[in-house]
């Protein structure tokens, strides 16, 4: 029989890519990704005892991760702009056309409102409209409508 800590550790191991995906969608550098990941882990641990298993654990992980990232994003905006320290080295510099297109797409996605960004992230992960709706708290039909509007917004950027 697993203890609560062992079960939590096992589940984090199984779903850490889900958490990191959300972190990368809401962050611009690796240090911030790690900070977001830690905050999400703290919130997951705090809520783990109250998780009632009415939904899939993956859905719950997404919901906690997205809510944590959106909350931190809002706090950052209220705090004002900071200037990160940088060594001006990009170890992942790649200048081919595909890489530039992907970077441009992610730059545009990062300009979306946090809620819209969350919906796009989940859609890019291949999650069904029903499950996206469960995660963000809207109907599947509303997810469909929002995605159409988001695609238009991205095209117009």
Protein backbone atom coordinates (compact mmCIF):
# COMPACT_ATOMS: atom_id res chain seq x y z
CA UNK A 1 0.00 0.00 0.00
CA UNK A 2 1.38 3.37 -1.03
CA UNK A 3 1.64 6.19 1.43
CA UNK A 4 0.29 9.57 0.40
CA UNK A 5 3.80 10.89 -0.23
CA UNK A 6 4.74 7.90 -2.38
CA UNK A 7 1.54 8.17 -4.40
CA UNK A 8 2.09 11.92 -4.87
CA UNK A 9 5.71 11.39 -5.97
CA UNK A 10 4.65 8.67 -8.41
CA UNK A 11 1.92 10.87 -9.91
CA UNK A 12 4.29 13.83 -10.26
CA UNK A 13 6.74 11.57 -12.08
CA UNK A 14 4.00 10.42 -14.46
CA UNK A 15 2.67 13.93 -15.13
CA UNK A 16 5.70 16.20 -14.87
CA UNK A 17 5.74 16.75 -18.63
CA UNK A 18 2.18 18.08 -18.34
CA UNK A 19 3.28 20.52 -15.64
CA UNK A 20 6.37 21.60 -17.58
CA UNK A 21 4.29 22.17 -20.70
CA UNK A 22 2.09 24.62 -18.82
CA UNK A 23 5.13 26.30 -17.25
CA UNK A 24 6.81 26.82 -20.63
CA UNK A 25 3.64 28.34 -22.02
CA UNK A 26 3.61 30.99 -19.27
CA UNK A 27 7.32 31.68 -19.01
CA UNK A 28 10.12 33.13 -21.03
CA UNK A 29 13.20 31.62 -19.37
CA UNK A 30 14.31 28.41 -17.68
CA UNK A 31 14.69 29.93 -14.23
CA UNK A 32 11.11 31.17 -14.29
CA UNK A 33 9.93 27.78 -15.54
CA UNK A 34 11.57 26.13 -12.54
CA UNK A 35 9.98 28.67 -10.17
CA UNK A 36 6.55 28.04 -11.69
CA UNK A 37 7.08 24.28 -11.48
CA UNK A 38 7.88 24.56 -7.76
CA UNK A 39 4.83 26.73 -7.10
CA UNK A 40 2.62 24.24 -8.92
CA UNK A 41 4.08 21.36 -6.90
CA UNK A 42 3.35 23.22 -3.68
CA UNK A 43 -0.24 23.87 -4.75
CA UNK A 44 -0.69 20.28 -5.89
CA UNK A 45 0.61 18.98 -2.56
CA UNK A 46 -1.65 21.35 -0.60
CA UNK A 47 -4.70 20.16 -2.52
CA UNK A 48 -3.76 16.50 -2.87
CA UNK A 49 -5.57 15.42 0.28
CA UNK A 50 -8.77 17.11 -0.87
CA UNK A 51 -8.69 15.69 -4.41
CA UNK A 52 -11.95 13.75 -4.60
CA UNK A 53 -11.16 11.80 -7.78
CA UNK A 54 -14.38 12.98 -9.46
CA UNK A 55 -12.26 13.88 -12.48
CA UNK A 56 -9.17 12.37 -14.04
CA UNK A 57 -5.95 13.17 -12.16
CA UNK A 58 -4.47 14.64 -15.38
CA UNK A 59 -7.38 17.06 -15.62
CA UNK A 60 -6.83 18.11 -12.01
CA UNK A 61 -3.08 18.56 -12.61
CA UNK A 62 -3.78 20.79 -15.63
CA UNK A 63 -6.32 22.82 -13.71
CA UNK A 64 -3.98 23.44 -10.75
CA UNK A 65 -1.03 24.19 -13.05
CA UNK A 66 -3.00 26.64 -15.18
CA UNK A 67 -4.58 28.38 -12.21
CA UNK A 68 -1.17 28.72 -10.53
CA UNK A 69 0.47 30.14 -13.66
CA UNK A 70 -2.40 32.54 -14.32
CA UNK A 71 -2.32 33.79 -10.72
CA UNK A 72 1.44 34.34 -10.82
CA UNK A 73 1.11 36.06 -14.20
CA UNK A 74 -1.46 38.47 -12.75
CA UNK A 75 0.73 39.20 -9.73
CA UNK A 76 3.69 39.96 -12.01
CA UNK A 77 1.63 42.44 -14.00
CA UNK A 78 0.56 44.24 -10.82
CA UNK A 79 4.13 44.36 -9.56
CA UNK A 80 5.47 46.01 -12.66
CA UNK A 81 8.23 45.20 -15.05
CA UNK A 82 11.53 43.72 -13.91
CA UNK A 83 14.74 43.37 -15.85
CA UNK A 84 16.13 39.84 -15.80
CA UNK A 85 19.86 39.25 -15.70
CA UNK A 86 21.07 37.68 -18.91
CA UNK A 87 24.32 36.29 -20.21
CA UNK A 88 23.15 36.95 -23.79
CA UNK A 89 23.86 33.36 -24.78
CA UNK A 90 21.22 31.33 -26.55
CA UNK A 91 22.30 27.70 -26.49
CA UNK A 92 19.28 26.76 -28.57
CA UNK A 93 19.84 29.28 -31.35
CA UNK A 94 18.55 27.84 -34.56
CA UNK A 95 17.79 30.00 -37.55
CA UNK A 96 16.10 27.67 -40.02
CA UNK A 97 12.67 28.64 -41.37
CA UNK A 98 10.71 26.07 -39.34
CA UNK A 99 12.29 27.18 -36.07
CA UNK A 100 11.58 30.83 -36.86
CA UNK A 101 7.92 30.00 -37.58
CA UNK A 102 7.55 28.06 -34.34
CA UNK A 103 9.18 30.89 -32.37
CA UNK A 104 6.89 33.41 -34.06
CA UNK A 105 3.84 31.30 -33.23
CA UNK A 106 4.86 31.03 -29.57
CA UNK A 107 5.56 34.76 -29.41
CA UNK A 108 2.05 35.41 -30.68
CA UNK A 109 0.54 32.87 -28.28
CA UNK A 110 2.38 34.58 -25.40
CA UNK A 111 0.63 37.85 -26.34
CA UNK A 112 -2.81 36.27 -25.81
CA UNK A 113 -4.74 36.74 -22.58
CA UNK A 114 -3.85 34.06 -19.99
CA UNK A 115 -7.19 32.26 -20.32
CA UNK A 116 -6.90 32.10 -24.11
CA UNK A 117 -3.28 30.99 -23.80
CA UNK A 118 -4.40 28.15 -21.53
CA UNK A 119 -7.01 27.00 -24.04
CA UNK A 120 -4.46 27.02 -26.88
CA UNK A 121 -1.96 25.12 -24.76
CA UNK A 122 -4.48 22.40 -23.99
CA UNK A 123 -5.58 22.22 -27.63
CA UNK A 124 -1.95 21.91 -28.78
CA UNK A 125 -1.56 19.04 -26.31
CA UNK A 126 -4.29 17.19 -28.22
CA UNK A 127 -6.81 17.28 -25.40
CA UNK A 128 -10.46 16.91 -26.36
CA UNK A 129 -12.82 19.89 -26.23
CA UNK A 130 -14.78 18.18 -23.45
CA UNK A 131 -11.69 17.75 -21.30
CA UNK A 132 -10.48 21.29 -22.04
CA UNK A 133 -13.89 22.50 -20.92
CA UNK A 134 -13.60 20.50 -17.70
CA UNK A 135 -10.14 21.90 -17.02
CA UNK A 136 -10.94 25.58 -17.61
CA UNK A 137 -14.56 25.46 -16.46
CA UNK A 138 -16.49 26.14 -19.67
CA UNK A 139 -18.59 24.01 -22.03
CA UNK A 140 -17.07 22.09 -24.94
CA UNK A 141 -19.10 24.26 -27.35
CA UNK A 142 -17.64 27.39 -25.74
CA UNK A 143 -14.15 25.88 -26.16
CA UNK A 144 -14.85 25.46 -29.87
CA UNK A 145 -16.06 29.05 -30.22
CA UNK A 146 -13.10 30.42 -28.26
CA UNK A 147 -10.62 28.48 -30.41
CA UNK A 148 -12.12 29.92 -33.60
CA UNK A 149 -11.80 33.44 -32.15
CA UNK A 150 -8.27 32.79 -30.88
CA UNK A 151 -7.17 31.51 -34.31
CA UNK A 152 -8.52 34.70 -35.88
CA UNK A 153 -6.71 36.81 -33.30
CA UNK A 154 -3.45 34.97 -33.99
CA UNK A 155 -3.87 35.48 -37.74
CA UNK A 156 -4.42 39.20 -37.24
CA UNK A 157 -1.30 39.69 -35.11
